[in-house]
Amino acid sequence: MADKKLLLGLIGAGIQASLSPALHEQEARQHGLRLHYQIIDLDKAGVGTEALPGLLKAARIMGFAGLNITYPCKQAVIPLLDELSDEARAVNAVNTVVIRDGRLIGHNTDGSGWTWGFRRALPDAALDRVVLLGAGGAGAAIADAALRMGTNELVIVDREAERAEALAVSLNKLGHKGRAKAGSDIAQALSGASGLIHATPTGMDKLPGLPLPASLLRPPLWVSEVVYFPLQTALLKAARDAGCAVADGGGMAVGQAVGAFRLFTGLEPDVTRMDSHLRALVRDGR
């Protein structure tokens, strides 16, 4: 594959600061592979998810090898694909589309990516009762991963209560045997919880702030963040100040990128190298 040039892209809204291009292009260079990774920002183009059919058609025509998919397209893209992996079908969300012989195949590397980052940062974390804040595309993948990892009880809280309920029902149908539940109040859900997984966009540079009152954070609660730009979100700062163990969003960002790189290129990336690269990029404000 080293004699070929791969064209990849990321479709999402407000993604100009994404580190995916730098991560994928640099790792490809280490393998002697020429790779260009294009940002396709719906906000910058002034369009919404209705543009997805045209964008996917263009990607086929232009010879893209694949696309990463992020907010708000992870679920909207599904009806437009030819095939889904088991992981993507299980969580009803896609973050990676591989284009092979004109066919669009949807995958999800969010769950495996989160698991890698979580185990690396918090290997001894208790999983008795875990609260997931956010039931969107990333939240759904993480919920499934957390249950597969051995969480005894997962309480899902979302500002759209029906979305949290639907995710809990779906997860239990997947064989998680009633361990997923929907909660309507974050304070009540956190009472007696072992850990908190934050899976909403709050805390990103464009959406600063805390997703919940800082007073709810107390040890021995651990906190896992999905936002990685910045790495030190307001939530993580408040959690550290309260004495909680934390896992930043960089672990998941690297983990999901590693999975996508494998799918796109067929090559085995160097995980430690990609993690070091991401953290250097974030420190440099890139």
C-alpha atoms as a PDB file:
ATOM      1  CA  MET A   1       0.000   0.000   0.000  1.00  0.00           C
ATOM      2  CA  ALA A   2       2.992   2.308   0.431  1.00  0.00           C
ATOM      3  CA  ASP A   3       2.996   3.165  -3.277  1.00  0.00           C
ATOM      4  CA  LYS A   4      -0.597   4.434  -3.115  1.00  0.00           C
ATOM      5  CA  LYS A   5      -2.055   7.701  -1.890  1.00  0.00           C
ATOM      6  CA  LEU A   6      -5.126   7.453   0.296  1.00  0.00           C
ATOM      7  CA  LEU A   7      -7.756  10.159   0.490  1.00  0.00           C
ATOM      8  CA  LEU A   8      -9.694  10.308   3.765  1.00  0.00           C
ATOM      9  CA  GLY A   9     -12.003  12.833   5.398  1.00  0.00           C
ATOM     10  CA  LEU A  10     -14.007  13.831   8.450  1.00  0.00           C
ATOM     11  CA  ILE A  11     -17.650  14.936   8.197  1.00  0.00           C
ATOM     12  CA  GLY A  12     -19.138  16.865  11.096  1.00  0.00           C
ATOM     13  CA  ALA A  13     -20.133  20.290  12.397  1.00  0.00           C
ATOM     14  CA  GLY A  14     -17.704  22.774  13.927  1.00  0.00           C
ATOM     15  CA  ILE A  15     -14.680  20.542  13.370  1.00  0.00           C
ATOM     16  CA  GLN A  16     -12.018  23.008  12.184  1.00  0.00           C
ATOM     17  CA  ALA A  17      -9.920  22.304  15.291  1.00  0.00           C
ATOM     18  CA  SER A  18     -10.007  18.508  14.822  1.00  0.00           C
ATOM     19  CA  LEU A  19      -6.680  16.750  15.293  1.00  0.00           C
ATOM     20  CA  SER A  20      -7.712  13.781  13.127  1.00  0.00           C
ATOM     21  CA  PRO A  21      -5.904  15.041   9.991  1.00  0.00           C
ATOM     22  CA  ALA A  22      -2.604  15.456  11.811  1.00  0.00           C
ATOM     23  CA  LEU A  23      -2.932  12.123  13.643  1.00  0.00           C
ATOM     24  CA  HIS A  24      -3.718  10.066  10.547  1.00  0.00           C
ATOM     25  CA  GLU A  25      -1.316  11.805   8.180  1.00  0.00           C
ATOM     26  CA  GLN A  26       1.632  11.581  10.575  1.00  0.00           C
ATOM     27  CA  GLU A  27       1.041   7.908  11.389  1.00  0.00           C
ATOM     28  CA  ALA A  28       0.722   7.150   7.671  1.00  0.00           C
ATOM     29  CA  ARG A  29       4.093   8.808   7.023  1.00  0.00           C
ATOM     30  CA  GLN A  30       5.660   6.500   9.612  1.00  0.00           C
ATOM     31  CA  HIS A  31       4.457   3.580   7.476  1.00  0.00           C
ATOM     32  CA  GLY A  32       5.690   5.084   4.206  1.00  0.00           C
ATOM     33  CA  LEU A  33       2.121   5.752   3.108  1.00  0.00           C
ATOM     34  CA  ARG A  34       0.954   8.938   1.392  1.00  0.00           C
ATOM     35  CA  LEU A  35      -2.325  10.017   2.947  1.00  0.00           C
ATOM     36  CA  HIS A  36      -4.378  13.201   2.745  1.00  0.00           C
ATOM     37  CA  TYR A  37      -7.117  13.775   5.320  1.00  0.00           C
ATOM     38  CA  GLN A  38      -9.742  16.413   4.453  1.00  0.00           C
ATOM     39  CA  ILE A  39     -11.946  18.316   6.922  1.00  0.00           C
ATOM     40  CA  ILE A  40     -15.573  18.528   5.680  1.00  0.00           C
ATOM     41  CA  ASP A  41     -17.206  20.994   8.069  1.00  0.00           C
ATOM     42  CA  LEU A  42     -20.988  21.353   7.772  1.00  0.00           C
ATOM     43  CA  ASP A  43     -20.979  24.567   9.823  1.00  0.00           C
ATOM     44  CA  LYS A  44     -18.398  26.210   7.601  1.00  0.00           C
ATOM     45  CA  ALA A  45     -20.396  25.230   4.514  1.00  0.00           C
ATOM     46  CA  GLY A  46     -23.645  26.462   6.057  1.00  0.00           C
ATOM     47  CA  VAL A  47     -25.401  23.107   5.678  1.00  0.00           C
ATOM     48  CA  GLY A  48     -26.778  20.380   7.927  1.00  0.00           C
ATOM     49  CA  THR A  49     -27.151  16.616   7.806  1.00  0.00           C
ATOM     50  CA  GLU A  50     -29.305  16.970   4.691  1.00  0.00           C
ATOM     51  CA  ALA A  51     -25.994  17.372   2.817  1.00  0.00           C
ATOM     52  CA  LEU A  52     -24.861  13.840   3.723  1.00  0.00           C
ATOM     53  CA  PRO A  53     -26.212  12.037   0.620  1.00  0.00           C
ATOM     54  CA  GLY A  54     -24.377  14.442  -1.685  1.00  0.00           C
ATOM     55  CA  LEU A  55     -21.183  14.278   0.334  1.00  0.00           C
ATOM     56  CA  LEU A  56     -21.125  10.478   0.341  1.00  0.00           C
ATOM     57  CA  LYS A  57     -21.788  10.386  -3.406  1.00  0.00           C
ATOM     58  CA  ALA A  58     -18.936  12.839  -3.962  1.00  0.00           C
ATOM     59  CA  ALA A  59     -16.615  10.759  -1.782  1.00  0.00           C
ATOM     60  CA  ARG A  60     -17.332   7.716  -3.933  1.00  0.00           C
ATOM     61  CA  ILE A  61     -16.710   9.637  -7.149  1.00  0.00           C
ATOM     62  CA  MET A  62     -13.515  11.264  -5.885  1.00  0.00           C
ATOM     63  CA  GLY A  63     -12.012   7.973  -4.767  1.00  0.00           C
ATOM     64  CA  PHE A  64     -12.025   8.451  -1.008  1.00  0.00           C
ATOM     65  CA  ALA A  65     -10.863   5.341   0.873  1.00  0.00           C
ATOM     66  CA  GLY A  66     -13.000   6.280   3.848  1.00  0.00           C
ATOM     67  CA  LEU A  67     -14.525   8.891   6.110  1.00  0.00           C
ATOM     68  CA  ASN A  68     -14.723   9.527   9.804  1.00  0.00           C
ATOM     69  CA  ILE A  69     -18.139  10.705  10.978  1.00  0.00           C
ATOM     70  CA  THR A  70     -18.789  12.885  14.003  1.00  0.00           C
ATOM     71  CA  TYR A  71     -21.518  15.035  15.571  1.00  0.00           C
ATOM     72  CA  PRO A  72     -24.254  15.459  14.379  1.00  0.00           C
ATOM     73  CA  CYS A  73     -23.998  12.768  11.706  1.00  0.00           C
ATOM     74  CA  LYS A  74     -23.259   9.492  13.521  1.00  0.00           C
ATOM     75  CA  GLN A  75     -26.834   8.270  13.355  1.00  0.00           C
ATOM     76  CA  ALA A  76     -28.075  10.284  10.382  1.00  0.00           C
ATOM     77  CA  VAL A  77     -25.529   8.591   8.106  1.00  0.00           C
ATOM     78  CA  ILE A  78     -26.765   5.041   8.786  1.00  0.00           C
ATOM     79  CA  PRO A  79     -29.635   4.869   6.236  1.00  0.00           C
ATOM     80  CA  LEU A  80     -27.209   6.000   3.524  1.00  0.00           C
ATOM     81  CA  LEU A  81     -24.783   3.088   3.966  1.00  0.00           C
ATOM     82  CA  ASP A  82     -24.643  -0.258   2.196  1.00  0.00           C
ATOM     83  CA  GLU A  83     -23.509  -2.318   5.167  1.00  0.00           C
ATOM     84  CA  LEU A  84     -22.927  -2.041   8.920  1.00  0.00           C
ATOM     85  CA  SER A  85     -20.429  -3.806  11.165  1.00  0.00           C
ATOM     86  CA  ASP A  86     -21.771  -5.659  14.182  1.00  0.00           C
ATOM     87  CA  GLU A  87     -20.512  -2.890  16.490  1.00  0.00           C
ATOM     88  CA  ALA A  88     -22.197  -0.122  14.502  1.00  0.00           C
ATOM     89  CA  ARG A  89     -25.457  -2.047  14.293  1.00  0.00           C
ATOM     90  CA  ALA A  90     -25.422  -2.807  18.004  1.00  0.00           C
ATOM     91  CA  VAL A  91     -25.162   0.850  19.060  1.00  0.00           C
ATOM     92  CA  ASN A  92     -26.974   2.377  16.056  1.00  0.00           C
ATOM     93  CA  ALA A  93     -24.128   4.830  15.447  1.00  0.00           C
ATOM     94  CA  VAL A  94     -21.294   5.092  12.918  1.00  0.00           C
ATOM     95  CA  ASN A  95     -18.036   6.993  13.289  1.00  0.00           C
ATOM     96  CA  THR A  96     -16.063   5.357  10.480  1.00  0.00           C
ATOM     97  CA  VAL A  97     -17.112   4.628   6.896  1.00  0.00           C
ATOM     98  CA  VAL A  98     -14.851   2.466   4.748  1.00  0.00           C
ATOM     99  CA  ILE A  99     -15.355   2.767   0.989  1.00  0.00           C
ATOM    100  CA  ARG A 100     -14.509  -0.438  -0.880  1.00  0.00           C
ATOM    101  CA  ASP A 101     -15.448  -1.122  -4.495  1.00  0.00           C
ATOM    102  CA  GLY A 102     -18.017   1.672  -4.342  1.00  0.00           C
ATOM    103  CA  ARG A 103     -19.712   0.264  -1.243  1.00  0.00           C
ATOM    104  CA  LEU A 104     -20.059   2.257   1.968  1.00  0.00           C
ATOM    105  CA  ILE A 105     -19.433   0.133   5.070  1.00  0.00           C
ATOM    106  CA  GLY A 106     -20.170   1.685   8.458  1.00  0.00           C
ATOM    107  CA  HIS A 107     -18.121   0.867  11.559  1.00  0.00           C
ATOM    108  CA  ASN A 108     -17.920   2.195  15.091  1.00  0.00           C
ATOM    109  CA  THR A 109     -14.570   2.510  16.866  1.00  0.00           C
ATOM    110  CA  ASP A 110     -15.833   4.801  19.658  1.00  0.00           C
ATOM    111  CA  GLY A 111     -16.546   1.970  22.088  1.00  0.00           C
ATOM    112  CA  SER A 112     -13.239   0.177  21.628  1.00  0.00           C
ATOM    113  CA  GLY A 113     -11.456   3.541  21.641  1.00  0.00           C
ATOM    114  CA  TRP A 114     -13.039   4.564  24.938  1.00  0.00           C
ATOM    115  CA  THR A 115     -12.237   1.181  26.480  1.00  0.00           C
ATOM    116  CA  TRP A 116      -8.556   1.480  25.540  1.00  0.00           C
ATOM    117  CA  GLY A 117      -8.260   4.970  27.000  1.00  0.00           C
ATOM    118  CA  PHE A 118     -10.210   4.108  30.144  1.00  0.00           C
ATOM    119  CA  ARG A 119      -8.217   0.978  30.971  1.00  0.00           C
ATOM    120  CA  ARG A 120      -4.985   2.870  30.385  1.00  0.00           C
ATOM    121  CA  ALA A 121      -5.923   5.739  32.717  1.00  0.00           C
ATOM    122  CA  LEU A 122      -8.051   3.975  35.358  1.00  0.00           C
ATOM    123  CA  PRO A 123      -7.121   0.281  35.352  1.00  0.00           C
ATOM    124  CA  ASP A 124      -8.451  -0.338  38.870  1.00  0.00           C
ATOM    125  CA  ALA A 125     -11.669   1.683  38.643  1.00  0.00           C
ATOM    126  CA  ALA A 126     -14.741   0.247  40.380  1.00  0.00           C
ATOM    127  CA  LEU A 127     -17.601  -0.585  38.004  1.00  0.00           C
ATOM    128  CA  ASP A 128     -20.414  -1.250  40.482  1.00  0.00           C
ATOM    129  CA  ARG A 129     -22.671   1.657  39.468  1.00  0.00           C
ATOM    130  CA  VAL A 130     -21.665   3.942  36.603  1.00  0.00           C
ATOM    131  CA  VAL A 131     -23.518   7.027  35.381  1.00  0.00           C
ATOM    132  CA  LEU A 132     -23.380   7.960  31.702  1.00  0.00           C
ATOM    133  CA  LEU A 133     -24.246  11.571  30.928  1.00  0.00           C
ATOM    134  CA  GLY A 134     -25.193  11.817  27.256  1.00  0.00           C
ATOM    135  CA  ALA A 135     -27.024   9.252  25.111  1.00  0.00           C
ATOM    136  CA  GLY A 136     -26.009  10.412  21.621  1.00  0.00           C
ATOM    137  CA  GLY A 137     -23.824   8.567  19.128  1.00  0.00           C
ATOM    138  CA  ALA A 138     -20.665   8.529  21.260  1.00  0.00           C
ATOM    139  CA  GLY A 139     -22.655   7.846  24.417  1.00  0.00           C
ATOM    140  CA  ALA A 140     -24.355   4.828  22.879  1.00  0.00           C
ATOM    141  CA  ALA A 141     -21.046   3.254  21.871  1.00  0.00           C
ATOM    142  CA  ILE A 142     -19.484   3.947  25.269  1.00  0.00           C
ATOM    143  CA  ALA A 143     -22.546   2.561  27.077  1.00  0.00           C
ATOM    144  CA  ASP A 144     -22.221  -0.744  25.253  1.00  0.00           C
ATOM    145  CA  ALA A 145     -18.461  -0.821  25.899  1.00  0.00           C
ATOM    146  CA  ALA A 146     -18.867  -0.043  29.607  1.00  0.00           C
ATOM    147  CA  LEU A 147     -21.371  -2.880  30.012  1.00  0.00           C
ATOM    148  CA  ARG A 148     -19.158  -5.288  28.072  1.00  0.00           C
ATOM    149  CA  MET A 149     -16.288  -4.291  30.364  1.00  0.00           C
ATOM    150  CA  GLY A 150     -18.277  -5.473  33.388  1.00  0.00           C
ATOM    151  CA  THR A 151     -20.277  -2.520  34.698  1.00  0.00           C
ATOM    152  CA  ASN A 152     -22.907  -3.945  37.041  1.00  0.00           C
ATOM    153  CA  GLU A 153     -25.379  -1.069  36.694  1.00  0.00           C
ATOM    154  CA  LEU A 154     -25.288   1.694  34.081  1.00  0.00           C
ATOM    155  CA  VAL A 155     -27.571   4.686  34.642  1.00  0.00           C
ATOM    156  CA  ILE A 156     -28.037   6.799  31.500  1.00  0.00           C
ATOM    157  CA  VAL A 157     -29.009  10.461  31.849  1.00  0.00           C
ATOM    158  CA  ASP A 158     -29.746  12.735  28.901  1.00  0.00           C
ATOM    159  CA  ARG A 159     -31.522  16.078  28.557  1.00  0.00           C
ATOM    160  CA  GLU A 160     -33.850  14.208  26.194  1.00  0.00           C
ATOM    161  CA  ALA A 161     -35.294  11.650  28.627  1.00  0.00           C
ATOM    162  CA  GLU A 162     -36.811   9.545  25.856  1.00  0.00           C
ATOM    163  CA  ARG A 163     -33.385   9.153  24.232  1.00  0.00           C
ATOM    164  CA  ALA A 164     -31.892   7.822  27.469  1.00  0.00           C
ATOM    165  CA  GLU A 165     -34.828   5.423  27.868  1.00  0.00           C
ATOM    166  CA  ALA A 166     -34.538   4.205  24.281  1.00  0.00           C
ATOM    167  CA  LEU A 167     -30.802   3.557  24.688  1.00  0.00           C
ATOM    168  CA  ALA A 168     -31.344   1.609  27.920  1.00  0.00           C
ATOM    169  CA  VAL A 169     -34.011  -0.554  26.279  1.00  0.00           C
ATOM    170  CA  SER A 170     -31.786  -1.167  23.253  1.00  0.00           C
ATOM    171  CA  LEU A 171     -28.785  -2.128  25.372  1.00  0.00           C
ATOM    172  CA  ASN A 172     -30.789  -4.575  27.457  1.00  0.00           C
ATOM    173  CA  LYS A 173     -32.130  -6.195  24.293  1.00  0.00           C
ATOM    174  CA  LEU A 174     -28.522  -6.694  23.189  1.00  0.00           C
ATOM    175  CA  GLY A 175     -28.063  -9.090  26.085  1.00  0.00           C
ATOM    176  CA  HIS A 176     -27.045  -6.791  28.915  1.00  0.00           C
ATOM    177  CA  LYS A 177     -29.900  -8.253  30.989  1.00  0.00           C
ATOM    178  CA  GLY A 178     -31.413  -5.223  32.662  1.00  0.00           C
ATOM    179  CA  ARG A 179     -28.100  -3.664  33.719  1.00  0.00           C
ATOM    180  CA  ALA A 180     -28.818  -0.478  31.720  1.00  0.00           C
ATOM    181  CA  LYS A 181     -31.332   1.978  33.195  1.00  0.00           C
ATOM    182  CA  ALA A 182     -32.482   5.480  32.346  1.00  0.00           C
ATOM    183  CA  GLY A 183     -32.310   8.211  34.976  1.00  0.00           C
ATOM    184  CA  SER A 184     -33.966  11.605  34.873  1.00  0.00           C
ATOM    185  CA  ASP A 185     -31.959  13.443  37.539  1.00  0.00           C
ATOM    186  CA  ILE A 186     -28.158  13.589  37.501  1.00  0.00           C
ATOM    187  CA  ALA A 187     -27.867  14.232  41.255  1.00  0.00           C
ATOM    188  CA  GLN A 188     -30.024  11.237  42.078  1.00  0.00           C
ATOM    189  CA  ALA A 189     -28.203   9.067  39.561  1.00  0.00           C
ATOM    190  CA  LEU A 190     -24.799   9.942  41.046  1.00  0.00           C
ATOM    191  CA  SER A 191     -25.859   9.060  44.574  1.00  0.00           C
ATOM    192  CA  GLY A 192     -23.752   6.040  45.479  1.00  0.00           C
ATOM    193  CA  ALA A 193     -22.178   5.830  42.010  1.00  0.00           C
ATOM    194  CA  SER A 194     -18.667   4.494  41.413  1.00  0.00           C
ATOM    195  CA  GLY A 195     -18.003   6.621  38.359  1.00  0.00           C
ATOM    196  CA  LEU A 196     -19.220   9.178  35.839  1.00  0.00           C
ATOM    197  CA  ILE A 197     -18.741   9.046  32.076  1.00  0.00           C
ATOM    198  CA  HIS A 198     -19.334  12.379  30.365  1.00  0.00           C
ATOM    199  CA  ALA A 199     -20.393  12.022  26.707  1.00  0.00           C
ATOM    200  CA  THR A 200     -21.876  15.390  25.711  1.00  0.00           C
ATOM    201  CA  PRO A 201     -20.163  18.231  23.791  1.00  0.00           C
ATOM    202  CA  THR A 202     -20.138  20.500  26.874  1.00  0.00           C
ATOM    203  CA  GLY A 203     -16.588  21.509  27.700  1.00  0.00           C
ATOM    204  CA  MET A 204     -15.393  21.790  24.123  1.00  0.00           C
ATOM    205  CA  ASP A 205     -13.780  25.083  23.151  1.00  0.00           C
ATOM    206  CA  LYS A 206     -16.960  26.127  21.359  1.00  0.00           C
ATOM    207  CA  LEU A 207     -19.223  24.932  24.224  1.00  0.00           C
ATOM    208  CA  PRO A 208     -17.348  25.794  27.434  1.00  0.00           C
ATOM    209  CA  GLY A 209     -18.682  25.114  30.902  1.00  0.00           C
ATOM    210  CA  LEU A 210     -19.661  22.317  33.249  1.00  0.00           C
ATOM    211  CA  PRO A 211     -22.260  19.686  32.284  1.00  0.00           C
ATOM    212  CA  LEU A 212     -23.355  19.283  35.921  1.00  0.00           C
ATOM    213  CA  PRO A 213     -22.930  21.070  39.276  1.00  0.00           C
ATOM    214  CA  ALA A 214     -19.368  20.729  40.605  1.00  0.00           C
ATOM    215  CA  SER A 215     -20.821  19.989  44.052  1.00  0.00           C
ATOM    216  CA  LEU A 216     -21.851  16.534  42.801  1.00  0.00           C
ATOM    217  CA  LEU A 217     -18.224  15.508  42.299  1.00  0.00           C
ATOM    218  CA  ARG A 218     -16.642  13.749  45.287  1.00  0.00           C
ATOM    219  CA  PRO A 219     -14.318  10.798  45.858  1.00  0.00           C
ATOM    220  CA  PRO A 220     -14.360   7.890  45.443  1.00  0.00           C
ATOM    221  CA  LEU A 221     -16.219   8.827  42.229  1.00  0.00           C
ATOM    222  CA  TRP A 222     -14.024   8.607  39.144  1.00  0.00           C
ATOM    223  CA  VAL A 223     -14.698  10.752  36.072  1.00  0.00           C
ATOM    224  CA  SER A 224     -14.140   9.767  32.427  1.00  0.00           C
ATOM    225  CA  GLU A 225     -14.274  12.606  29.879  1.00  0.00           C
ATOM    226  CA  VAL A 226     -14.801  12.262  26.114  1.00  0.00           C
ATOM    227  CA  VAL A 227     -13.994  15.861  25.162  1.00  0.00           C
ATOM    228  CA  TYR A 228     -10.308  16.099  24.231  1.00  0.00           C
ATOM    229  CA  PHE A 229      -9.932  19.635  22.932  1.00  0.00           C
ATOM    230  CA  PRO A 230      -9.051  20.966  25.428  1.00  0.00           C
ATOM    231  CA  LEU A 231      -7.673  18.002  27.347  1.00  0.00           C
ATOM    232  CA  GLN A 232      -8.212  19.875  30.616  1.00  0.00           C
ATOM    233  CA  THR A 233     -11.943  20.571  30.496  1.00  0.00           C
ATOM    234  CA  ALA A 234     -13.842  22.424  33.200  1.00  0.00           C
ATOM    235  CA  LEU A 235     -15.272  19.061  34.296  1.00  0.00           C
ATOM    236  CA  LEU A 236     -11.852  17.468  34.712  1.00  0.00           C
ATOM    237  CA  LYS A 237     -10.526  20.483  36.598  1.00  0.00           C
ATOM    238  CA  ALA A 238     -13.505  20.400  38.973  1.00  0.00           C
ATOM    239  CA  ALA A 239     -13.142  16.628  39.401  1.00  0.00           C
ATOM    240  CA  ARG A 240      -9.432  16.863  40.188  1.00  0.00           C
ATOM    241  CA  ASP A 241     -10.086  19.716  42.620  1.00  0.00           C
ATOM    242  CA  ALA A 242     -12.646  17.499  44.351  1.00  0.00           C
ATOM    243  CA  GLY A 243     -10.139  14.644  44.651  1.00  0.00           C
ATOM    244  CA  CYS A 244     -11.622  12.357  41.984  1.00  0.00           C
ATOM    245  CA  ALA A 245      -9.518  10.087  39.779  1.00  0.00           C
ATOM    246  CA  VAL A 246      -9.933  11.079  36.130  1.00  0.00           C
ATOM    247  CA  ALA A 247      -9.445   9.871  32.560  1.00  0.00           C
ATOM    248  CA  ASP A 248      -9.166  12.626  29.964  1.00  0.00           C
ATOM    249  CA  GLY A 249     -10.696  12.505  26.494  1.00  0.00           C
ATOM    250  CA  GLY A 250      -7.348  12.031  24.789  1.00  0.00           C
ATOM    251  CA  GLY A 251      -7.398   8.301  25.464  1.00  0.00           C
ATOM    252  CA  MET A 252     -10.643   7.780  23.601  1.00  0.00           C
ATOM    253  CA  ALA A 253      -9.544  10.111  20.779  1.00  0.00           C
ATOM    254  CA  VAL A 254      -6.425   8.038  20.227  1.00  0.00           C
ATOM    255  CA  GLY A 255      -8.187   4.712  20.696  1.00  0.00           C
ATOM    256  CA  GLN A 256     -10.896   5.426  18.136  1.00  0.00           C
ATOM    257  CA  ALA A 257      -8.324   6.860  15.678  1.00  0.00           C
ATOM    258  CA  VAL A 258      -6.235   3.710  15.998  1.00  0.00           C
ATOM    259  CA  GLY A 259      -9.253   1.579  15.125  1.00  0.00           C
ATOM    260  CA  ALA A 260     -10.154   3.776  12.171  1.00  0.00           C
ATOM    261  CA  PHE A 261      -6.559   3.785  10.872  1.00  0.00           C
ATOM    262  CA  ARG A 262      -6.555  -0.025  10.849  1.00  0.00           C
ATOM    263  CA  LEU A 263      -9.828  -0.113   8.927  1.00  0.00           C
ATOM    264  CA  PHE A 264      -8.754   2.520   6.388  1.00  0.00           C
ATOM    265  CA  THR A 265      -5.231   1.254   5.685  1.00  0.00           C
ATOM    266  CA  GLY A 266      -5.019  -2.391   6.767  1.00  0.00           C
ATOM    267  CA  LEU A 267      -1.877  -1.412   8.681  1.00  0.00           C
ATOM    268  CA  GLU A 268      -1.146  -1.750  12.413  1.00  0.00           C
ATOM    269  CA  PRO A 269      -0.584   1.694  13.946  1.00  0.00           C
ATOM    270  CA  ASP A 270       1.771   2.431  16.827  1.00  0.00           C
ATOM    271  CA  VAL A 271      -0.641   3.311  19.648  1.00  0.00           C
ATOM    272  CA  THR A 272       1.960   4.846  21.943  1.00  0.00           C
ATOM    273  CA  ARG A 273       3.301   7.003  19.124  1.00  0.00           C
ATOM    274  CA  MET A 274      -0.191   8.231  18.205  1.00  0.00           C
ATOM    275  CA  ASP A 275      -0.969   9.018  21.848  1.00  0.00           C
ATOM    276  CA  SER A 276       2.241  11.031  22.232  1.00  0.00           C
ATOM    277  CA  HIS A 277       1.498  12.867  18.993  1.00  0.00           C
ATOM    278  CA  LEU A 278      -2.031  13.827  20.059  1.00  0.00           C
ATOM    279  CA  ARG A 279      -0.869  15.155  23.412  1.00  0.00           C
ATOM    280  CA  ALA A 280       1.877  17.177  21.775  1.00  0.00           C
ATOM    281  CA  LEU A 281      -0.653  18.665  19.345  1.00  0.00           C
ATOM    282  CA  VAL A 282      -3.007  19.615  22.165  1.00  0.00           C
ATOM    283  CA  ARG A 283      -0.180  21.185  24.177  1.00  0.00           C
ATOM    284  CA  ASP A 284       0.779  23.235  21.126  1.00  0.00           C
ATOM    285  CA  GLY A 285      -2.841  24.367  20.727  1.00  0.00           C
ATOM    286  CA  ARG A 286      -3.118  22.867  17.243  1.00  0.00           C
END
